[in-house]
Amino acid sequence: MNPDLKARFDSITQSHPIVLFMKGNALFPQCGFSARALQLLQPHGEVFTVDVLADPEVRQGIKDYTNWPTIPQIFIKGQFVGGVDILTGLAESGELADLVAGKSPA
């Protein structure tokens, strides 16, 4: 991975409590999975979004950075959480609120 791109991802994920790499943006999600992730995250605070469609290097780079093949990708408190399926499970179990609050999941 390009060291500058890695540094950029490190900076973004460490500078914001909730980061969503998605297709589109918060005002206009470009896929249902990205819209669903945003919907699950928004009740927990400000969501910093990165539109992977705006830059092909970011779109592929985030997949290399996390070794995760799909978009959207969620980071909470600088830690990679996963995709929308994992996020949905965390929300349904109540663990998402704990993660955002910085508590260990039950």
Protein backbone atom coordinates (compact mmCIF):
# COMPACT_ATOMS: atom_id res chain seq x y z
CA MET A 1 0.00 0.00 0.00
CA ASN A 2 1.12 3.53 -0.79
CA PRO A 3 2.58 4.96 2.47
CA ASP A 4 0.89 8.33 1.90
CA LEU A 5 -2.51 6.69 1.48
CA LYS A 6 -1.95 4.56 4.60
CA ALA A 7 -1.04 7.70 6.55
CA ARG A 8 -4.19 9.36 5.24
CA PHE A 9 -6.37 6.45 6.40
CA ASP A 10 -4.59 6.39 9.78
CA SER A 11 -5.25 10.11 10.21
CA ILE A 12 -8.92 9.91 9.21
CA THR A 13 -9.72 6.89 11.38
CA GLN A 14 -7.88 8.30 14.42
CA SER A 15 -9.27 11.85 14.13
CA HIS A 16 -12.99 11.02 14.22
CA PRO A 17 -14.90 8.82 16.69
CA ILE A 18 -17.10 7.30 13.95
CA VAL A 19 -15.87 6.95 10.37
CA LEU A 20 -17.83 5.42 7.51
CA PHE A 21 -16.17 4.68 4.17
CA MET A 22 -19.23 4.52 1.94
CA LYS A 23 -20.55 4.85 -1.57
CA GLY A 24 -21.91 8.36 -1.74
CA ASN A 25 -22.21 10.74 1.17
CA ALA A 26 -24.45 11.38 4.16
CA LEU A 27 -26.84 13.48 2.08
CA PHE A 28 -26.96 11.10 -0.87
CA PRO A 29 -25.91 7.49 -0.20
CA GLN A 30 -25.26 5.63 -3.45
CA CYS A 31 -26.10 2.12 -2.26
CA GLY A 32 -28.49 0.51 0.17
CA PHE A 33 -25.74 -0.96 2.34
CA SER A 34 -24.10 2.44 2.78
CA ALA A 35 -27.48 4.00 3.59
CA ARG A 36 -28.19 1.30 6.17
CA ALA A 37 -24.79 1.72 7.84
CA LEU A 38 -25.33 5.47 8.06
CA GLN A 39 -28.81 4.94 9.51
CA LEU A 40 -27.41 2.64 12.22
CA LEU A 41 -24.53 4.97 13.11
CA GLN A 42 -26.20 8.39 13.15
CA PRO A 43 -28.04 7.95 16.48
CA HIS A 44 -24.63 7.48 18.13
CA GLY A 45 -23.09 10.80 17.14
CA GLU A 46 -21.51 12.61 14.24
CA VAL A 47 -20.49 10.24 11.45
CA PHE A 48 -17.49 11.31 9.36
CA THR A 49 -18.07 9.91 5.88
CA VAL A 50 -15.63 9.26 3.06
CA ASP A 51 -17.10 8.80 -0.41
CA VAL A 52 -15.10 5.98 -2.00
CA LEU A 53 -16.71 6.68 -5.38
CA ALA A 54 -14.98 10.06 -5.55
CA ASP A 55 -11.49 8.53 -5.71
CA PRO A 56 -10.65 5.08 -7.16
CA GLU A 57 -7.41 5.00 -5.13
CA VAL A 58 -9.40 5.36 -1.90
CA ARG A 59 -11.98 2.81 -3.02
CA GLN A 60 -9.36 0.09 -3.51
CA GLY A 61 -7.00 1.42 -0.86
CA ILE A 62 -9.45 1.08 2.02
CA LYS A 63 -10.00 -2.57 1.06
CA ASP A 64 -6.24 -3.14 1.16
CA TYR A 65 -5.91 -1.18 4.42
CA THR A 66 -8.43 -3.37 6.25
CA ASN A 67 -8.10 -6.55 4.23
CA TRP A 68 -11.90 -6.41 3.91
CA PRO A 69 -13.42 -6.85 0.42
CA THR A 70 -16.59 -4.79 0.61
CA ILE A 71 -17.87 -1.25 1.11
CA PRO A 72 -19.13 0.21 3.42
CA GLN A 73 -16.45 -0.05 6.08
CA ILE A 74 -16.90 1.23 9.62
CA PHE A 75 -14.32 2.47 12.12
CA ILE A 76 -15.19 3.33 15.71
CA LYS A 77 -12.65 4.98 18.00
CA GLY A 78 -9.93 4.24 15.44
CA GLN A 79 -10.70 0.52 15.28
CA PHE A 80 -12.00 -1.26 12.21
CA VAL A 81 -15.39 -2.81 13.02
CA GLY A 82 -16.30 -4.42 9.69
CA GLY A 83 -19.12 -4.01 7.23
CA VAL A 84 -22.84 -3.44 7.48
CA ASP A 85 -23.66 -7.04 8.50
CA ILE A 86 -21.40 -6.84 11.53
CA LEU A 87 -22.67 -3.35 12.33
CA THR A 88 -26.27 -4.59 12.16
CA GLY A 89 -25.49 -7.40 14.60
CA LEU A 90 -23.79 -5.00 17.00
CA ALA A 91 -26.75 -2.61 16.84
CA GLU A 92 -29.29 -5.37 17.41
CA SER A 93 -27.37 -6.72 20.42
CA GLY A 94 -26.83 -3.27 21.96
CA GLU A 95 -23.06 -3.58 21.66
CA LEU A 96 -22.78 -0.72 19.17
CA ALA A 97 -23.68 1.84 21.82
CA ASP A 98 -20.99 0.39 24.10
CA LEU A 99 -18.36 0.57 21.35
CA VAL A 100 -19.18 4.19 20.58
CA ALA A 101 -19.08 5.01 24.29
CA GLY A 102 -15.66 3.38 24.55
CA LYS A 103 -16.89 0.53 26.74
CA SER A 104 -16.00 -3.10 26.19
CA PRO A 105 -18.92 -5.04 24.69
CA ALA A 106 -20.86 -7.15 27.18
